[in-house]
Amino acid sequence: MATDEGEFRDFVDREYAALVRALSLYCGGREVAEELAQDAFARAYQRWNKVSQMQRPGAWVRTVAFNLARSGFRRKGAERRAYARHGAAPTATQSAEQAEAMAVRDAVLELPDRQRQVLIHRYFLGDSVAETADTVGISDNAVKSATFKAIENLRRRLGDVTAIEEGSHHA
C-alpha cells in the first residue's frame, strides 16, 4: 500500500482528540471512545489512498467511528437482553469523574440517537449544519430541528445548558 505516512500522521494529529471527545460523550466512556477512534483510523489507514482524496476525510472517519459505536450499542443491547432472560447481570464500575461532567454526559446519553449525534457534531466537533447533515445522512432542516429538540431536552434534564449552546468543547 503506497500510503503517505506523514500525511496520515498529520491527519490523525488533527482529528483524533476531537473525535475521542465526541465519542466519549456519545458512548459515555473515554476508554471505549479511544478504541472506536483507533478502529476508525485503522480503517482510514487501510483505505488512505481513497480517503485522503475525499473532500472531508475527517467526516469519513467520524462516520465510521459513530457507525462502530452504534453497532456496539446494538451488541450490548442484545447482551443485556440475554442476561435478563437467563437471570444474570453483568457488573458495572463507574469512574470518579466530576459530578457536573457526568450529569451532562448522562443527559446527552439519554437523548434519542439522532439528537445525540447532531448535538455532538454541531457543538463538540464544531461541524456546520451542512457538514453535520452530510455526515449523519439527513437534511439541513432535520439537523436544525434535531439540534433544537436536543437543546430543549437537555434544558429539561439539566436546567441551564449555556455551555453547550456556546459550543463548549468540554466533555
N, C-alpha and C. Protein backbone atom coordinates (compact mmCIF):
# COMPACT_ATOMS: atom_id res chain seq x y z
N MET A 1 0.85 -1.17 0.00
CA MET A 1 0.00 0.00 0.00
C MET A 1 0.90 1.23 0.00
N ALA A 2 0.69 2.10 -0.94
CA ALA A 2 1.51 3.31 -1.06
C ALA A 2 0.85 4.44 -0.28
N THR A 3 1.05 4.41 1.03
CA THR A 3 0.43 5.40 1.90
C THR A 3 1.47 6.43 2.32
N ASP A 4 1.12 7.70 2.22
CA ASP A 4 2.00 8.76 2.71
C ASP A 4 1.82 8.81 4.23
N GLU A 5 2.76 8.17 4.93
CA GLU A 5 2.64 8.04 6.39
C GLU A 5 2.65 9.38 7.11
N GLY A 6 3.46 10.31 6.63
CA GLY A 6 3.49 11.63 7.27
C GLY A 6 2.17 12.35 7.14
N GLU A 7 1.57 12.28 5.96
CA GLU A 7 0.27 12.90 5.73
C GLU A 7 -0.79 12.26 6.62
N PHE A 8 -0.75 10.94 6.75
CA PHE A 8 -1.72 10.26 7.60
C PHE A 8 -1.51 10.62 9.06
N ARG A 9 -0.26 10.67 9.51
CA ARG A 9 0.03 11.06 10.90
C ARG A 9 -0.50 12.47 11.18
N ASP A 10 -0.29 13.38 10.24
CA ASP A 10 -0.81 14.75 10.42
C ASP A 10 -2.34 14.74 10.52
N PHE A 11 -2.97 13.93 9.69
CA PHE A 11 -4.42 13.79 9.71
C PHE A 11 -4.89 13.30 11.08
N VAL A 12 -4.25 12.26 11.59
CA VAL A 12 -4.61 11.72 12.90
C VAL A 12 -4.39 12.78 13.99
N ASP A 13 -3.26 13.48 13.91
CA ASP A 13 -2.98 14.53 14.90
C ASP A 13 -4.06 15.60 14.90
N ARG A 14 -4.58 15.94 13.73
CA ARG A 14 -5.63 16.97 13.63
C ARG A 14 -6.98 16.48 14.14
N GLU A 15 -7.32 15.25 13.90
CA GLU A 15 -8.68 14.76 14.10
C GLU A 15 -8.90 13.93 15.37
N TYR A 16 -7.87 13.28 15.88
CA TYR A 16 -8.03 12.26 16.91
C TYR A 16 -8.66 12.80 18.21
N ALA A 17 -8.11 13.85 18.76
CA ALA A 17 -8.57 14.33 20.08
C ALA A 17 -10.05 14.73 20.05
N ALA A 18 -10.46 15.47 19.02
CA ALA A 18 -11.86 15.89 18.93
C ALA A 18 -12.78 14.69 18.75
N LEU A 19 -12.33 13.71 17.96
CA LEU A 19 -13.15 12.51 17.76
C LEU A 19 -13.31 11.74 19.07
N VAL A 20 -12.24 11.60 19.83
CA VAL A 20 -12.32 10.89 21.11
C VAL A 20 -13.24 11.63 22.07
N ARG A 21 -13.15 12.95 22.12
CA ARG A 21 -14.05 13.72 23.00
C ARG A 21 -15.51 13.50 22.59
N ALA A 22 -15.78 13.57 21.30
CA ALA A 22 -17.15 13.39 20.83
C ALA A 22 -17.66 11.98 21.11
N LEU A 23 -16.83 11.00 20.85
CA LEU A 23 -17.23 9.61 21.11
C LEU A 23 -17.38 9.34 22.60
N SER A 24 -16.56 9.99 23.43
CA SER A 24 -16.69 9.84 24.89
C SER A 24 -18.06 10.31 25.34
N LEU A 25 -18.48 11.41 24.80
CA LEU A 25 -19.80 11.94 25.14
C LEU A 25 -20.89 11.03 24.59
N TYR A 26 -20.71 10.56 23.39
CA TYR A 26 -21.72 9.70 22.74
C TYR A 26 -21.84 8.35 23.43
N CYS A 27 -20.70 7.79 23.83
CA CYS A 27 -20.69 6.44 24.40
C CYS A 27 -20.69 6.41 25.92
N GLY A 28 -20.27 7.50 26.55
CA GLY A 28 -20.25 7.54 28.00
C GLY A 28 -18.95 7.10 28.63
N GLY A 29 -17.91 6.86 27.85
CA GLY A 29 -16.64 6.44 28.44
C GLY A 29 -15.47 6.69 27.50
N ARG A 30 -14.39 7.19 28.05
CA ARG A 30 -13.21 7.53 27.25
C ARG A 30 -12.52 6.28 26.69
N GLU A 31 -12.46 5.23 27.47
CA GLU A 31 -11.75 4.03 27.01
C GLU A 31 -12.42 3.46 25.76
N VAL A 32 -13.73 3.37 25.78
CA VAL A 32 -14.47 2.87 24.62
C VAL A 32 -14.28 3.82 23.45
N ALA A 33 -14.33 5.12 23.72
CA ALA A 33 -14.15 6.12 22.67
C ALA A 33 -12.78 5.99 22.00
N GLU A 34 -11.76 5.77 22.79
CA GLU A 34 -10.42 5.61 22.23
C GLU A 34 -10.34 4.38 21.34
N GLU A 35 -10.95 3.29 21.78
CA GLU A 35 -10.97 2.07 20.96
C GLU A 35 -11.69 2.30 19.64
N LEU A 36 -12.84 2.95 19.71
CA LEU A 36 -13.61 3.23 18.49
C LEU A 36 -12.83 4.14 17.54
N ALA A 37 -12.22 5.18 18.09
CA ALA A 37 -11.43 6.10 17.26
C ALA A 37 -10.27 5.36 16.61
N GLN A 38 -9.59 4.53 17.37
CA GLN A 38 -8.47 3.78 16.81
C GLN A 38 -8.92 2.84 15.71
N ASP A 39 -10.05 2.19 15.90
CA ASP A 39 -10.59 1.31 14.86
C ASP A 39 -10.94 2.11 13.60
N ALA A 40 -11.54 3.27 13.78
CA ALA A 40 -11.91 4.09 12.63
C ALA A 40 -10.67 4.57 11.88
N PHE A 41 -9.65 5.00 12.62
CA PHE A 41 -8.42 5.45 11.96
C PHE A 41 -7.68 4.29 11.31
N ALA A 42 -7.76 3.11 11.88
CA ALA A 42 -7.15 1.94 11.24
C ALA A 42 -7.82 1.67 9.89
N ARG A 43 -9.13 1.81 9.85
CA ARG A 43 -9.84 1.62 8.59
C ARG A 43 -9.48 2.72 7.59
N ALA A 44 -9.31 3.93 8.08
CA ALA A 44 -8.89 5.03 7.20
C ALA A 44 -7.50 4.75 6.64
N TYR A 45 -6.62 4.24 7.48
CA TYR A 45 -5.25 3.94 7.03
C TYR A 45 -5.26 2.88 5.94
N GLN A 46 -6.09 1.86 6.12
CA GLN A 46 -6.18 0.80 5.12
C GLN A 46 -6.66 1.34 3.78
N ARG A 47 -7.44 2.40 3.80
CA ARG A 47 -8.01 2.97 2.58
C ARG A 47 -7.48 4.38 2.30
N TRP A 48 -6.33 4.71 2.86
CA TRP A 48 -5.85 6.09 2.83
C TRP A 48 -5.73 6.65 1.43
N ASN A 49 -5.35 5.86 0.45
CA ASN A 49 -5.24 6.38 -0.92
C ASN A 49 -6.58 6.96 -1.37
N LYS A 50 -7.67 6.33 -1.00
CA LYS A 50 -9.00 6.81 -1.37
C LYS A 50 -9.49 7.89 -0.40
N VAL A 51 -9.36 7.63 0.91
CA VAL A 51 -9.87 8.56 1.94
C VAL A 51 -9.17 9.91 1.84
N SER A 52 -7.87 9.91 1.59
CA SER A 52 -7.12 11.17 1.54
C SER A 52 -7.55 12.06 0.39
N GLN A 53 -8.19 11.48 -0.62
CA GLN A 53 -8.66 12.26 -1.78
C GLN A 53 -10.06 12.82 -1.58
N MET A 54 -10.71 12.43 -0.50
CA MET A 54 -12.07 12.91 -0.23
C MET A 54 -12.03 14.38 0.16
N GLN A 55 -13.12 15.07 -0.08
CA GLN A 55 -13.22 16.48 0.27
C GLN A 55 -13.08 16.67 1.79
N ARG A 56 -13.67 15.75 2.57
CA ARG A 56 -13.63 15.85 4.04
C ARG A 56 -13.30 14.48 4.65
N PRO A 57 -12.02 14.10 4.64
CA PRO A 57 -11.67 12.79 5.20
C PRO A 57 -12.00 12.66 6.68
N GLY A 58 -11.99 13.78 7.41
CA GLY A 58 -12.36 13.74 8.82
C GLY A 58 -13.80 13.32 9.02
N ALA A 59 -14.67 13.78 8.14
CA ALA A 59 -16.09 13.38 8.21
C ALA A 59 -16.23 11.89 7.96
N TRP A 60 -15.43 11.36 7.04
CA TRP A 60 -15.48 9.92 6.75
C TRP A 60 -15.11 9.13 8.01
N VAL A 61 -14.03 9.54 8.68
CA VAL A 61 -13.59 8.85 9.90
C VAL A 61 -14.64 8.96 10.99
N ARG A 62 -15.25 10.13 11.14
CA ARG A 62 -16.30 10.30 12.16
C ARG A 62 -17.49 9.41 11.85
N THR A 63 -17.88 9.33 10.59
CA THR A 63 -18.99 8.46 10.22
C THR A 63 -18.68 7.02 10.56
N VAL A 64 -17.50 6.57 10.22
CA VAL A 64 -17.10 5.19 10.54
C VAL A 64 -17.12 4.97 12.05
N ALA A 65 -16.56 5.90 12.81
CA ALA A 65 -16.49 5.75 14.26
C ALA A 65 -17.88 5.69 14.89
N PHE A 66 -18.77 6.57 14.46
CA PHE A 66 -20.13 6.57 15.02
C PHE A 66 -20.90 5.32 14.59
N ASN A 67 -20.66 4.84 13.38
CA ASN A 67 -21.28 3.58 12.96
C ASN A 67 -20.78 2.42 13.82
N LEU A 68 -19.49 2.40 14.13
CA LEU A 68 -18.95 1.37 15.01
C LEU A 68 -19.58 1.46 16.40
N ALA A 69 -19.77 2.68 16.88
CA ALA A 69 -20.39 2.87 18.20
C ALA A 69 -21.82 2.34 18.21
N ARG A 70 -22.59 2.66 17.17
CA ARG A 70 -23.97 2.18 17.11
C ARG A 70 -24.01 0.66 17.03
N SER A 71 -23.09 0.06 16.30
CA SER A 71 -23.03 -1.40 16.24
C SER A 71 -22.74 -1.97 17.63
N GLY A 72 -21.86 -1.31 18.36
CA GLY A 72 -21.57 -1.74 19.73
C GLY A 72 -22.78 -1.63 20.63
N PHE A 73 -23.55 -0.55 20.48
CA PHE A 73 -24.77 -0.40 21.27
C PHE A 73 -25.73 -1.54 20.99
N ARG A 74 -25.87 -1.90 19.72
CA ARG A 74 -26.77 -3.00 19.36
C ARG A 74 -26.31 -4.30 20.00
N ARG A 75 -25.00 -4.56 19.95
CA ARG A 75 -24.47 -5.79 20.57
C ARG A 75 -24.71 -5.79 22.08
N LYS A 76 -24.47 -4.65 22.72
CA LYS A 76 -24.67 -4.58 24.17
C LYS A 76 -26.14 -4.75 24.54
N GLY A 77 -27.02 -4.20 23.71
CA GLY A 77 -28.45 -4.39 23.95
C GLY A 77 -28.83 -5.85 23.88
N ALA A 78 -28.30 -6.55 22.89
CA ALA A 78 -28.57 -7.98 22.76
C ALA A 78 -28.00 -8.74 23.96
N GLU A 79 -26.84 -8.33 24.41
CA GLU A 79 -26.23 -8.97 25.58
C GLU A 79 -27.08 -8.75 26.83
N ARG A 80 -27.56 -7.51 27.04
CA ARG A 80 -28.41 -7.23 28.21
C ARG A 80 -29.69 -8.06 28.16
N ARG A 81 -30.27 -8.16 26.97
CA ARG A 81 -31.49 -8.96 26.84
C ARG A 81 -31.21 -10.43 27.15
N ALA A 82 -30.08 -10.92 26.72
CA ALA A 82 -29.72 -12.31 27.01
C ALA A 82 -29.51 -12.52 28.50
N TYR A 83 -28.81 -11.58 29.16
CA TYR A 83 -28.63 -11.68 30.61
C TYR A 83 -29.98 -11.65 31.33
N ALA A 84 -30.87 -10.77 30.88
CA ALA A 84 -32.18 -10.66 31.51
C ALA A 84 -32.97 -11.97 31.38
N ARG A 85 -32.88 -12.60 30.22
CA ARG A 85 -33.59 -13.87 30.01
C ARG A 85 -33.04 -14.97 30.90
N HIS A 86 -31.75 -14.93 31.20
CA HIS A 86 -31.12 -16.01 31.96
C HIS A 86 -30.87 -15.66 33.43
N GLY A 87 -31.37 -14.49 33.85
CA GLY A 87 -31.32 -14.14 35.27
C GLY A 87 -29.97 -13.68 35.78
N ALA A 88 -29.02 -13.42 34.92
CA ALA A 88 -27.71 -12.94 35.35
C ALA A 88 -27.56 -11.49 34.92
N ALA A 89 -26.72 -10.76 35.60
CA ALA A 89 -26.49 -9.36 35.23
C ALA A 89 -24.99 -9.08 35.27
N PRO A 90 -24.47 -8.38 34.28
CA PRO A 90 -23.06 -8.03 34.32
C PRO A 90 -22.81 -6.98 35.41
N THR A 91 -21.62 -6.99 35.98
CA THR A 91 -21.28 -5.98 36.97
C THR A 91 -20.78 -4.74 36.26
N ALA A 92 -21.00 -3.60 36.86
CA ALA A 92 -20.58 -2.34 36.26
C ALA A 92 -19.75 -1.55 37.27
N THR A 93 -18.74 -0.87 36.78
CA THR A 93 -17.96 0.02 37.62
C THR A 93 -18.04 1.42 37.04
N GLN A 94 -17.99 2.41 37.90
CA GLN A 94 -18.11 3.79 37.44
C GLN A 94 -16.85 4.54 37.85
N SER A 95 -16.29 5.31 36.92
CA SER A 95 -15.10 6.10 37.23
C SER A 95 -15.49 7.29 38.09
N ALA A 96 -14.49 7.92 38.68
CA ALA A 96 -14.73 9.04 39.59
C ALA A 96 -14.53 10.37 38.85
N GLU A 97 -15.38 10.67 37.90
CA GLU A 97 -15.32 11.95 37.18
C GLU A 97 -16.13 12.98 37.94
N GLN A 98 -15.95 14.22 37.57
CA GLN A 98 -16.69 15.29 38.23
C GLN A 98 -18.18 15.11 38.03
N ALA A 99 -18.94 15.46 39.05
CA ALA A 99 -20.39 15.27 39.03
C ALA A 99 -21.06 16.06 37.90
N GLU A 100 -20.62 17.27 37.65
CA GLU A 100 -21.22 18.07 36.59
C GLU A 100 -21.00 17.44 35.22
N ALA A 101 -19.77 17.01 34.94
CA ALA A 101 -19.46 16.38 33.65
C ALA A 101 -20.28 15.10 33.48
N MET A 102 -20.43 14.35 34.56
CA MET A 102 -21.21 13.11 34.48
C MET A 102 -22.69 13.41 34.25
N ALA A 103 -23.20 14.48 34.86
CA ALA A 103 -24.60 14.84 34.66
C ALA A 103 -24.86 15.21 33.20
N VAL A 104 -23.94 16.00 32.61
CA VAL A 104 -24.09 16.37 31.20
C VAL A 104 -23.97 15.13 30.33
N ARG A 105 -22.96 14.32 30.58
CA ARG A 105 -22.76 13.11 29.78
C ARG A 105 -23.98 12.20 29.87
N ASP A 106 -24.50 12.01 31.08
CA ASP A 106 -25.68 11.15 31.25
C ASP A 106 -26.89 11.72 30.51
N ALA A 107 -27.06 13.04 30.60
CA ALA A 107 -28.19 13.66 29.91
C ALA A 107 -28.05 13.52 28.40
N VAL A 108 -26.85 13.68 27.88
CA VAL A 108 -26.63 13.51 26.44
C VAL A 108 -26.88 12.07 26.04
N LEU A 109 -26.45 11.13 26.87
CA LEU A 109 -26.66 9.71 26.56
C LEU A 109 -28.14 9.34 26.52
N GLU A 110 -28.96 10.08 27.27
CA GLU A 110 -30.40 9.80 27.30
C GLU A 110 -31.14 10.38 26.10
N LEU A 111 -30.47 11.24 25.33
CA LEU A 111 -31.12 11.81 24.14
C LEU A 111 -31.35 10.72 23.10
N PRO A 112 -32.38 10.88 22.29
CA PRO A 112 -32.54 9.97 21.16
C PRO A 112 -31.29 10.01 20.28
N ASP A 113 -30.98 8.92 19.62
CA ASP A 113 -29.73 8.78 18.88
C ASP A 113 -29.48 9.94 17.92
N ARG A 114 -30.44 10.31 17.11
CA ARG A 114 -30.22 11.38 16.12
C ARG A 114 -29.91 12.70 16.81
N GLN A 115 -30.64 13.03 17.88
CA GLN A 115 -30.37 14.27 18.61
C GLN A 115 -28.97 14.25 19.19
N ARG A 116 -28.58 13.10 19.74
CA ARG A 116 -27.24 12.97 20.33
C ARG A 116 -26.17 13.16 19.26
N GLN A 117 -26.34 12.51 18.12
CA GLN A 117 -25.36 12.65 17.04
C GLN A 117 -25.23 14.09 16.57
N VAL A 118 -26.37 14.73 16.33
CA VAL A 118 -26.37 16.09 15.81
C VAL A 118 -25.73 17.04 16.83
N LEU A 119 -26.11 16.91 18.08
CA LEU A 119 -25.56 17.77 19.12
C LEU A 119 -24.03 17.63 19.19
N ILE A 120 -23.55 16.42 19.15
CA ILE A 120 -22.10 16.19 19.24
C ILE A 120 -21.39 16.76 18.02
N HIS A 121 -21.94 16.53 16.85
CA HIS A 121 -21.29 17.06 15.64
C HIS A 121 -21.31 18.59 15.62
N ARG A 122 -22.43 19.19 15.98
CA ARG A 122 -22.54 20.64 15.92
C ARG A 122 -21.72 21.34 17.00
N TYR A 123 -21.86 20.89 18.25
CA TYR A 123 -21.28 21.65 19.35
C TYR A 123 -19.96 21.12 19.89
N PHE A 124 -19.68 19.86 19.72
CA PHE A 124 -18.44 19.33 20.27
C PHE A 124 -17.40 19.11 19.19
N LEU A 125 -17.82 18.85 17.95
CA LEU A 125 -16.88 18.75 16.84
C LEU A 125 -16.83 20.04 16.03
N GLY A 126 -17.81 20.91 16.23
CA GLY A 126 -17.81 22.19 15.54
C GLY A 126 -18.18 22.13 14.08
N ASP A 127 -18.88 21.08 13.67
CA ASP A 127 -19.30 20.95 12.28
C ASP A 127 -20.42 21.94 11.97
N SER A 128 -20.46 22.39 10.74
CA SER A 128 -21.55 23.26 10.30
C SER A 128 -22.82 22.43 10.15
N VAL A 129 -23.93 23.09 9.89
CA VAL A 129 -25.19 22.39 9.66
C VAL A 129 -25.04 21.47 8.45
N ALA A 130 -24.46 21.98 7.37
CA ALA A 130 -24.30 21.19 6.15
C ALA A 130 -23.37 20.00 6.37
N GLU A 131 -22.27 20.21 7.10
CA GLU A 131 -21.34 19.11 7.38
C GLU A 131 -22.02 18.04 8.23
N THR A 132 -22.77 18.49 9.23
CA THR A 132 -23.48 17.55 10.09
C THR A 132 -24.51 16.76 9.28
N ALA A 133 -25.25 17.45 8.44
CA ALA A 133 -26.26 16.79 7.60
C ALA A 133 -25.60 15.73 6.73
N ASP A 134 -24.48 16.08 6.13
CA ASP A 134 -23.77 15.15 5.26
C ASP A 134 -23.26 13.93 6.04
N THR A 135 -22.67 14.17 7.19
CA THR A 135 -22.10 13.08 7.99
C THR A 135 -23.17 12.17 8.55
N VAL A 136 -24.25 12.75 9.07
CA VAL A 136 -25.30 11.97 9.71
C VAL A 136 -26.26 11.37 8.68
N GLY A 137 -26.31 11.98 7.49
CA GLY A 137 -27.16 11.46 6.43
C GLY A 137 -28.59 11.95 6.50
N ILE A 138 -28.75 13.23 6.90
CA ILE A 138 -30.08 13.83 6.98
C ILE A 138 -30.03 15.21 6.33
N SER A 139 -31.18 15.86 6.19
CA SER A 139 -31.23 17.18 5.56
C SER A 139 -30.77 18.27 6.54
N ASP A 140 -30.44 19.43 5.98
CA ASP A 140 -30.07 20.58 6.82
C ASP A 140 -31.19 20.93 7.79
N ASN A 141 -32.44 20.92 7.31
CA ASN A 141 -33.57 21.23 8.19
C ASN A 141 -33.72 20.21 9.30
N ALA A 142 -33.45 18.94 9.00
CA ALA A 142 -33.52 17.91 10.04
C ALA A 142 -32.44 18.13 11.09
N VAL A 143 -31.26 18.60 10.66
CA VAL A 143 -30.19 18.93 11.61
C VAL A 143 -30.66 20.05 12.53
N LYS A 144 -31.22 21.09 11.95
CA LYS A 144 -31.68 22.23 12.76
C LYS A 144 -32.77 21.80 13.74
N SER A 145 -33.69 21.00 13.28
CA SER A 145 -34.78 20.53 14.14
C SER A 145 -34.24 19.65 15.26
N ALA A 146 -33.36 18.71 14.92
CA ALA A 146 -32.80 17.81 15.94
C ALA A 146 -31.96 18.58 16.95
N THR A 147 -31.24 19.60 16.49
CA THR A 147 -30.44 20.44 17.40
C THR A 147 -31.35 21.16 18.39
N PHE A 148 -32.40 21.77 17.88
CA PHE A 148 -33.36 22.47 18.74
C PHE A 148 -33.95 21.51 19.77
N LYS A 149 -34.40 20.34 19.31
CA LYS A 149 -35.01 19.37 20.22
C LYS A 149 -34.00 18.87 21.25
N ALA A 150 -32.76 18.65 20.84
CA ALA A 150 -31.73 18.17 21.77
C ALA A 150 -31.49 19.20 22.87
N ILE A 151 -31.38 20.46 22.49
CA ILE A 151 -31.13 21.51 23.48
C ILE A 151 -32.32 21.64 24.42
N GLU A 152 -33.53 21.55 23.88
CA GLU A 152 -34.72 21.61 24.73
C GLU A 152 -34.74 20.42 25.70
N ASN A 153 -34.41 19.24 25.22
CA ASN A 153 -34.36 18.05 26.10
C ASN A 153 -33.31 18.23 27.19
N LEU A 154 -32.17 18.77 26.84
CA LEU A 154 -31.12 18.98 27.84
C LEU A 154 -31.54 20.04 28.85
N ARG A 155 -32.22 21.08 28.39
CA ARG A 155 -32.74 22.11 29.31
C ARG A 155 -33.66 21.49 30.34
N ARG A 156 -34.54 20.62 29.87
CA ARG A 156 -35.48 19.97 30.80
C ARG A 156 -34.72 19.09 31.81
N ARG A 157 -33.69 18.41 31.35
CA ARG A 157 -32.95 17.50 32.23
C ARG A 157 -31.97 18.22 33.15
N LEU A 158 -31.32 19.25 32.62
CA LEU A 158 -30.22 19.88 33.35
C LEU A 158 -30.50 21.29 33.84
N GLY A 159 -31.49 21.93 33.29
CA GLY A 159 -31.71 23.33 33.61
C GLY A 159 -30.97 24.19 32.61
N ASP A 160 -29.83 24.74 32.97
CA ASP A 160 -29.07 25.66 32.12
C ASP A 160 -28.07 24.88 31.27
N VAL A 161 -28.17 25.01 29.96
CA VAL A 161 -27.21 24.36 29.06
C VAL A 161 -26.44 25.42 28.28
N THR A 162 -26.17 26.54 28.91
CA THR A 162 -25.48 27.63 28.25
C THR A 162 -24.14 27.19 27.70
N ALA A 163 -23.39 26.38 28.45
CA ALA A 163 -22.07 25.95 27.98
C ALA A 163 -22.17 25.17 26.69
N ILE A 164 -23.17 24.36 26.55
CA ILE A 164 -23.36 23.58 25.32
C ILE A 164 -23.77 24.51 24.19
N GLU A 165 -24.70 25.41 24.46
CA GLU A 165 -25.18 26.30 23.42
C GLU A 165 -24.06 27.22 22.90
N GLU A 166 -23.09 27.53 23.76
CA GLU A 166 -21.99 28.40 23.34
C GLU A 166 -20.91 27.60 22.63
N GLY A 167 -21.11 26.30 22.45
CA GLY A 167 -20.14 25.50 21.71
C GLY A 167 -18.97 25.04 22.54
N SER A 168 -19.17 24.85 23.82
CA SER A 168 -18.11 24.35 24.69
C SER A 168 -17.58 23.04 24.17
N HIS A 169 -16.28 22.87 24.23
CA HIS A 169 -15.66 21.63 23.76
C HIS A 169 -15.21 20.77 24.93
N HIS A 170 -15.85 20.96 26.06
CA HIS A 170 -15.52 20.15 27.24
C HIS A 170 -16.55 19.04 27.38
N ALA A 171 -16.03 17.83 27.52
CA ALA A 171 -16.96 16.70 27.67
C ALA A 171 -16.67 15.96 28.93
